[in-house]
C-alpha atoms as a PDB file:
ATOM      1  CA  MET A   1     143.941  57.084  32.711  1.00  0.00           C
ATOM      2  CA  GLU A   2     143.266  58.809  36.033  1.00  0.00           C
ATOM      3  CA  THR A   3     142.672  56.455  38.939  1.00  0.00           C
ATOM      4  CA  LEU A   4     139.807  56.961  41.393  1.00  0.00           C
ATOM      5  CA  LYS A   5     142.328  57.785  44.115  1.00  0.00           C
ATOM      6  CA  LYS A   6     143.965  60.496  41.990  1.00  0.00           C
ATOM      7  CA  LYS A   7     140.606  61.906  40.934  1.00  0.00           C
ATOM      8  CA  ARG A   8     139.523  62.180  44.574  1.00  0.00           C
ATOM      9  CA  ALA A   9     142.767  63.952  45.410  1.00  0.00           C
ATOM     10  CA  ARG A  10     142.265  66.345  42.474  1.00  0.00           C
ATOM     11  CA  ILE A  11     138.658  67.214  43.363  1.00  0.00           C
ATOM     12  CA  LYS A  12     139.808  67.842  46.935  1.00  0.00           C
ATOM     13  CA  ARG A  13     142.283  70.423  45.635  1.00  0.00           C
ATOM     14  CA  ILE A  14     139.631  71.967  43.351  1.00  0.00           C
ATOM     15  CA  TYR A  15     137.320  72.288  46.344  1.00  0.00           C
ATOM     16  CA  GLU A  16     140.019  73.847  48.519  1.00  0.00           C
ATOM     17  CA  LYS A  17     140.959  76.436  45.877  1.00  0.00           C
ATOM     18  CA  LEU A  18     137.396  77.501  44.968  1.00  0.00           C
ATOM     19  CA  ASP A  19     135.783  77.337  48.415  1.00  0.00           C
ATOM     20  CA  PRO A  20     137.329  80.613  49.718  1.00  0.00           C
ATOM     21  CA  ILE A  21     136.433  82.445  46.495  1.00  0.00           C
ATOM     22  CA  TYR A  22     132.666  81.852  46.472  1.00  0.00           C
ATOM     23  CA  THR A  23     131.287  82.754  49.880  1.00  0.00           C
ATOM     24  CA  TYR A  24     127.663  83.238  48.785  1.00  0.00           C
ATOM     25  CA  GLU A  25     124.505  81.787  50.282  1.00  0.00           C
ATOM     26  CA  LYS A  26     123.363  78.233  49.475  1.00  0.00           C
ATOM     27  CA  THR A  27     120.844  79.687  47.072  1.00  0.00           C
ATOM     28  CA  ALA A  28     120.215  83.169  45.739  1.00  0.00           C
ATOM     29  CA  LEU A  29     116.478  82.462  45.674  1.00  0.00           C
ATOM     30  CA  LYS A  30     114.513  84.451  48.236  1.00  0.00           C
ATOM     31  CA  TYR A  31     112.168  82.424  50.453  1.00  0.00           C
ATOM     32  CA  ARG A  32     110.828  82.169  53.985  1.00  0.00           C
ATOM     33  CA  THR A  33     109.613  78.567  54.119  1.00  0.00           C
ATOM     34  CA  PRO A  34     110.591  75.244  52.511  1.00  0.00           C
ATOM     35  CA  PHE A  35     107.368  75.420  50.496  1.00  0.00           C
ATOM     36  CA  GLN A  36     108.273  78.815  49.074  1.00  0.00           C
ATOM     37  CA  LEU A  37     111.731  77.519  48.180  1.00  0.00           C
ATOM     38  CA  LEU A  38     110.180  74.545  46.404  1.00  0.00           C
ATOM     39  CA  ILE A  39     107.979  76.788  44.260  1.00  0.00           C
ATOM     40  CA  ALA A  40     110.848  79.214  43.599  1.00  0.00           C
ATOM     41  CA  THR A  41     113.116  76.348  42.552  1.00  0.00           C
ATOM     42  CA  ILE A  42     110.533  75.095  40.056  1.00  0.00           C
ATOM     43  CA  LEU A  43     110.329  78.628  38.652  1.00  0.00           C
ATOM     44  CA  SER A  44     114.127  78.872  38.387  1.00  0.00           C
ATOM     45  CA  ALA A  45     114.351  76.248  35.626  1.00  0.00           C
ATOM     46  CA  GLN A  46     115.930  77.967  32.614  1.00  0.00           C
ATOM     47  CA  CYS A  47     115.588  81.295  34.409  1.00  0.00           C
ATOM     48  CA  THR A  48     117.917  83.366  36.571  1.00  0.00           C
ATOM     49  CA  ASP A  49     117.435  83.478  40.327  1.00  0.00           C
ATOM     50  CA  LYS A  50     117.345  87.266  40.067  1.00  0.00           C
ATOM     51  CA  GLN A  51     114.377  87.122  37.707  1.00  0.00           C
ATOM     52  CA  VAL A  52     112.550  84.601  39.913  1.00  0.00           C
ATOM     53  CA  ASN A  53     113.058  86.930  42.883  1.00  0.00           C
ATOM     54  CA  THR A  54     111.195  89.696  41.053  1.00  0.00           C
ATOM     55  CA  VAL A  55     108.140  87.447  40.707  1.00  0.00           C
ATOM     56  CA  THR A  56     107.905  85.562  43.994  1.00  0.00           C
ATOM     57  CA  PRO A  57     107.175  88.396  46.492  1.00  0.00           C
ATOM     58  CA  SER A  58     103.767  89.172  44.977  1.00  0.00           C
ATOM     59  CA  LEU A  59     103.194  85.507  44.104  1.00  0.00           C
ATOM     60  CA  PHE A  60     103.734  84.344  47.686  1.00  0.00           C
ATOM     61  CA  LYS A  61     101.615  87.199  49.018  1.00  0.00           C
ATOM     62  CA  LYS A  62      98.735  86.009  46.858  1.00  0.00           C
ATOM     63  CA  HIS A  63      99.262  82.242  47.319  1.00  0.00           C
ATOM     64  CA  LYS A  64     100.441  81.143  50.746  1.00  0.00           C
ATOM     65  CA  THR A  65      99.661  77.414  50.779  1.00  0.00           C
ATOM     66  CA  PRO A  66      99.586  74.468  48.341  1.00  0.00           C
ATOM     67  CA  GLU A  67      95.798  74.702  48.413  1.00  0.00           C
ATOM     68  CA  ASP A  68      95.986  78.318  47.244  1.00  0.00           C
ATOM     69  CA  PHE A  69      97.999  77.310  44.182  1.00  0.00           C
ATOM     70  CA  ILE A  70      95.657  74.401  43.458  1.00  0.00           C
ATOM     71  CA  LYS A  71      92.630  76.706  43.511  1.00  0.00           C
ATOM     72  CA  ALA A  72      94.267  79.462  41.448  1.00  0.00           C
ATOM     73  CA  PRO A  73      92.860  79.776  37.902  1.00  0.00           C
ATOM     74  CA  ILE A  74      95.383  78.465  35.387  1.00  0.00           C
ATOM     75  CA  ALA A  75      95.318  81.640  33.282  1.00  0.00           C
ATOM     76  CA  GLU A  76      95.913  83.811  36.347  1.00  0.00           C
ATOM     77  CA  LEU A  77      98.841  81.729  37.587  1.00  0.00           C
ATOM     78  CA  GLU A  78     100.364  81.671  34.121  1.00  0.00           C
ATOM     79  CA  MET A  79     100.188  85.458  34.008  1.00  0.00           C
ATOM     80  CA  ASP A  80     101.741  85.772  37.472  1.00  0.00           C
ATOM     81  CA  ILE A  81     104.783  83.645  36.602  1.00  0.00           C
ATOM     82  CA  ARG A  82     105.088  84.596  32.918  1.00  0.00           C
ATOM     83  CA  PRO A  83     108.336  86.612  33.408  1.00  0.00           C
ATOM     84  CA  THR A  84     110.166  83.403  34.455  1.00  0.00           C
ATOM     85  CA  GLY A  85     109.613  81.823  31.033  1.00  0.00           C
ATOM     86  CA  PHE A  86     108.059  78.476  30.072  1.00  0.00           C
ATOM     87  CA  PHE A  87     105.121  79.632  32.184  1.00  0.00           C
ATOM     88  CA  ARG A  88     102.630  77.068  30.900  1.00  0.00           C
ATOM     89  CA  ASN A  89     104.819  74.101  31.771  1.00  0.00           C
ATOM     90  CA  LYS A  90     105.772  75.669  35.087  1.00  0.00           C
ATOM     91  CA  THR A  91     102.125  76.295  35.963  1.00  0.00           C
ATOM     92  CA  LYS A  92     101.397  72.629  35.284  1.00  0.00           C
ATOM     93  CA  SER A  93     104.377  71.566  37.424  1.00  0.00           C
ATOM     94  CA  ILE A  94     103.431  73.870  40.312  1.00  0.00           C
ATOM     95  CA  LYS A  95      99.829  72.724  40.371  1.00  0.00           C
ATOM     96  CA  GLY A  96     100.854  69.066  40.141  1.00  0.00           C
ATOM     97  CA  CYS A  97     103.454  69.492  42.860  1.00  0.00           C
ATOM     98  CA  CYS A  98     100.998  71.238  45.178  1.00  0.00           C
ATOM     99  CA  GLN A  99      98.365  68.572  44.596  1.00  0.00           C
ATOM    100  CA  GLY A 100     100.975  65.949  45.448  1.00  0.00           C
ATOM    101  CA  LEU A 101     101.948  67.788  48.624  1.00  0.00           C
ATOM    102  CA  VAL A 102      98.325  67.795  49.761  1.00  0.00           C
ATOM    103  CA  ASP A 103      97.519  64.223  48.729  1.00  0.00           C
ATOM    104  CA  LEU A 104     100.739  62.572  49.911  1.00  0.00           C
ATOM    105  CA  TYR A 105     102.106  64.686  52.756  1.00  0.00           C
ATOM    106  CA  GLY A 106      99.297  66.775  54.199  1.00  0.00           C
ATOM    107  CA  GLY A 107     100.563  69.913  52.497  1.00  0.00           C
ATOM    108  CA  LYS A 108     104.035  69.780  54.055  1.00  0.00           C
ATOM    109  CA  VAL A 109     107.308  69.580  52.146  1.00  0.00           C
ATOM    110  CA  PRO A 110     108.893  66.175  52.851  1.00  0.00           C
ATOM    111  CA  GLN A 111     112.475  65.803  54.010  1.00  0.00           C
ATOM    112  CA  SER A 112     113.779  62.883  51.963  1.00  0.00           C
ATOM    113  CA  MET A 113     114.753  62.361  48.342  1.00  0.00           C
ATOM    114  CA  GLU A 114     112.472  59.349  48.023  1.00  0.00           C
ATOM    115  CA  GLU A 115     109.443  61.374  49.095  1.00  0.00           C
ATOM    116  CA  MET A 116     110.371  64.507  47.148  1.00  0.00           C
ATOM    117  CA  ILE A 117     110.653  62.849  43.747  1.00  0.00           C
ATOM    118  CA  LYS A 118     107.170  61.374  44.124  1.00  0.00           C
ATOM    119  CA  LEU A 119     105.853  64.906  43.651  1.00  0.00           C
ATOM    120  CA  PRO A 120     104.844  65.759  40.058  1.00  0.00           C
ATOM    121  CA  GLY A 121     107.260  68.240  38.512  1.00  0.00           C
ATOM    122  CA  VAL A 122     110.027  67.536  41.025  1.00  0.00           C
ATOM    123  CA  GLY A 123     113.221  65.815  39.899  1.00  0.00           C
ATOM    124  CA  ARG A 124     116.442  65.102  41.758  1.00  0.00           C
ATOM    125  CA  LYS A 125     117.941  68.526  41.020  1.00  0.00           C
ATOM    126  CA  THR A 126     114.981  70.383  42.528  1.00  0.00           C
ATOM    127  CA  ALA A 127     114.810  67.937  45.426  1.00  0.00           C
ATOM    128  CA  ASN A 128     118.509  68.313  46.259  1.00  0.00           C
ATOM    129  CA  CYS A 129     118.236  72.102  46.088  1.00  0.00           C
ATOM    130  CA  VAL A 130     115.341  72.195  48.554  1.00  0.00           C
ATOM    131  CA  LEU A 131     116.640  69.459  50.850  1.00  0.00           C
ATOM    132  CA  GLY A 132     120.062  71.082  51.074  1.00  0.00           C
ATOM    133  CA  ALA A 133     119.044  74.715  51.505  1.00  0.00           C
ATOM    134  CA  ALA A 134     115.940  74.238  53.664  1.00  0.00           C
ATOM    135  CA  PHE A 135     116.847  71.154  55.707  1.00  0.00           C
ATOM    136  CA  GLY A 136     120.628  70.819  55.516  1.00  0.00           C
ATOM    137  CA  ILE A 137     120.405  67.392  53.893  1.00  0.00           C
ATOM    138  CA  PRO A 138     123.477  66.748  51.675  1.00  0.00           C
ATOM    139  CA  GLY A 139     123.154  66.232  47.943  1.00  0.00           C
ATOM    140  CA  VAL A 140     124.798  67.274  44.684  1.00  0.00           C
ATOM    141  CA  VAL A 141     122.595  69.706  42.760  1.00  0.00           C
ATOM    142  CA  VAL A 142     123.234  69.037  39.061  1.00  0.00           C
ATOM    143  CA  ASP A 143     122.075  72.102  37.155  1.00  0.00           C
ATOM    144  CA  THR A 144     123.475  73.169  33.764  1.00  0.00           C
ATOM    145  CA  HIS A 145     126.596  74.670  35.370  1.00  0.00           C
ATOM    146  CA  VAL A 146     127.399  71.644  37.539  1.00  0.00           C
ATOM    147  CA  LYS A 147     126.846  69.343  34.571  1.00  0.00           C
ATOM    148  CA  ARG A 148     129.109  71.394  32.300  1.00  0.00           C
ATOM    149  CA  LEU A 149     131.917  71.873  34.823  1.00  0.00           C
ATOM    150  CA  SER A 150     131.847  68.281  36.049  1.00  0.00           C
ATOM    151  CA  MET A 151     132.379  67.130  32.468  1.00  0.00           C
ATOM    152  CA  ARG A 152     135.010  69.778  31.666  1.00  0.00           C
ATOM    153  CA  MET A 153     136.938  69.003  34.827  1.00  0.00           C
ATOM    154  CA  GLY A 154     136.943  65.299  34.048  1.00  0.00           C
ATOM    155  CA  LEU A 155     134.938  64.385  37.141  1.00  0.00           C
ATOM    156  CA  THR A 156     132.490  62.287  35.123  1.00  0.00           C
ATOM    157  CA  ASP A 157     132.156  60.654  31.717  1.00  0.00           C
ATOM    158  CA  ASN A 158     128.372  60.753  31.891  1.00  0.00           C
ATOM    159  CA  LYS A 159     125.957  63.268  30.413  1.00  0.00           C
ATOM    160  CA  ASP A 160     122.889  62.168  32.368  1.00  0.00           C
ATOM    161  CA  PRO A 161     122.377  64.484  35.393  1.00  0.00           C
ATOM    162  CA  ASP A 162     121.419  61.635  37.735  1.00  0.00           C
ATOM    163  CA  LYS A 163     124.582  59.708  36.859  1.00  0.00           C
ATOM    164  CA  ILE A 164     126.704  62.844  37.208  1.00  0.00           C
ATOM    165  CA  GLU A 165     125.220  63.336  40.665  1.00  0.00           C
ATOM    166  CA  MET A 166     126.304  59.838  41.697  1.00  0.00           C
ATOM    167  CA  ASP A 167     129.768  60.214  40.142  1.00  0.00           C
ATOM    168  CA  VAL A 168     130.515  63.470  41.960  1.00  0.00           C
ATOM    169  CA  GLN A 169     129.110  62.161  45.243  1.00  0.00           C
ATOM    170  CA  ASP A 170     131.489  59.210  44.977  1.00  0.00           C
ATOM    171  CA  LEU A 171     134.453  61.584  44.870  1.00  0.00           C
ATOM    172  CA  LEU A 172     133.679  63.756  47.903  1.00  0.00           C
ATOM    173  CA  PRO A 173     132.760  63.316  51.571  1.00  0.00           C
ATOM    174  CA  LYS A 174     129.018  63.602  52.107  1.00  0.00           C
ATOM    175  CA  GLU A 175     129.293  66.833  54.076  1.00  0.00           C
ATOM    176  CA  LYS A 176     130.837  68.582  51.044  1.00  0.00           C
ATOM    177  CA  TRP A 177     128.283  67.530  48.413  1.00  0.00           C
ATOM    178  CA  ARG A 178     126.028  70.575  48.608  1.00  0.00           C
ATOM    179  CA  ARG A 179     128.820  73.098  49.071  1.00  0.00           C
ATOM    180  CA  PHE A 180     130.686  71.734  46.035  1.00  0.00           C
ATOM    181  CA  SER A 181     127.525  72.129  43.962  1.00  0.00           C
ATOM    182  CA  ASP A 182     127.287  75.784  44.959  1.00  0.00           C
ATOM    183  CA  ILE A 183     130.973  76.328  44.193  1.00  0.00           C
ATOM    184  CA  LEU A 184     130.607  74.928  40.674  1.00  0.00           C
ATOM    185  CA  ILE A 185     127.399  76.894  40.041  1.00  0.00           C
ATOM    186  CA  TYR A 186     129.028  80.225  40.924  1.00  0.00           C
ATOM    187  CA  HIS A 187     132.284  79.351  39.152  1.00  0.00           C
ATOM    188  CA  GLY A 188     130.272  78.409  36.071  1.00  0.00           C
ATOM    189  CA  ARG A 189     128.376  81.686  36.121  1.00  0.00           C
ATOM    190  CA  GLU A 190     131.381  83.920  36.641  1.00  0.00           C
ATOM    191  CA  VAL A 191     134.395  82.208  35.055  1.00  0.00           C
ATOM    192  CA  CYS A 192     133.852  78.808  33.426  1.00  0.00           C
ATOM    193  CA  LYS A 193     131.078  79.936  31.117  1.00  0.00           C
ATOM    194  CA  ALA A 194     129.478  77.750  28.477  1.00  0.00           C
ATOM    195  CA  ARG A 195     130.690  79.477  25.327  1.00  0.00           C
ATOM    196  CA  LYS A 196     133.876  81.182  26.419  1.00  0.00           C
ATOM    197  CA  PRO A 197     135.469  80.019  29.675  1.00  0.00           C
ATOM    198  CA  ASP A 198     137.898  82.605  31.044  1.00  0.00           C
ATOM    199  CA  HIS A 199     140.976  80.451  31.640  1.00  0.00           C
ATOM    200  CA  SER A 200     143.001  83.507  32.697  1.00  0.00           C
ATOM    201  CA  ARG A 201     140.741  83.973  35.736  1.00  0.00           C
ATOM    202  CA  CYS A 202     140.311  80.302  36.598  1.00  0.00           C
ATOM    203  CA  ALA A 203     141.855  79.399  39.953  1.00  0.00           C
ATOM    204  CA  VAL A 204     141.755  75.690  39.111  1.00  0.00           C
ATOM    205  CA  PHE A 205     142.906  75.757  35.471  1.00  0.00           C
ATOM    206  CA  SER A 206     146.042  73.780  36.363  1.00  0.00           C
ATOM    207  CA  LEU A 207     143.803  71.042  37.815  1.00  0.00           C
ATOM    208  CA  CYS A 208     141.486  70.873  34.804  1.00  0.00           C
ATOM    209  CA  PRO A 209     141.873  68.697  31.676  1.00  0.00           C
ATOM    210  CA  SER A 210     141.204  71.898  29.670  1.00  0.00           C
ATOM    211  CA  ASN A 211     144.750  72.870  30.650  1.00  0.00           C
ATOM    212  CA  SER A 212     146.123  70.375  28.137  1.00  0.00           C
ATOM    213  CA  ILE A 213     143.828  71.375  25.247  1.00  0.00           C
END
């Protein structure tokens, strides 16, 4: 069984091998303010960033503040965000989040995990995405790619995203938490895919338990 010391050494090598390969931005979502990033991140659930980016320019032109989203007719907002999928649930989350921003924080996006997750429709993944990209606050963003790769790479035995977040954070220095999330997200999209991981293109295959399967 792999010791914690060996696992930390292995994740360090995984980080060092993948870091030079994926030199993209912290998020592919297009935004100008932390509030826009928050809304875009909610829309990105089970949707590609590229698709979200086709919707948000006109959406943010129409609705500039939390109050604007609160006042927007439900049917109109649903129609505006329909291309991102699950538009009814996302409309409910956006309106709840915006109402929370107004009621709790005067309409401003807070800068701590504890405050962020008090907002309706905002979980730890969304909070870490916004806090890291907009404010530079470290955190592991556990989306479907990070969850899958963390389990495949033997970095966690958990399936719960919150527990995976804590497991990965325990293996890396705080300043590398967000960057490692981004690395796994891009590696998951391009190489270590859900149905058919491309082991021939994987720079860290020798460091992965899949190597012995």
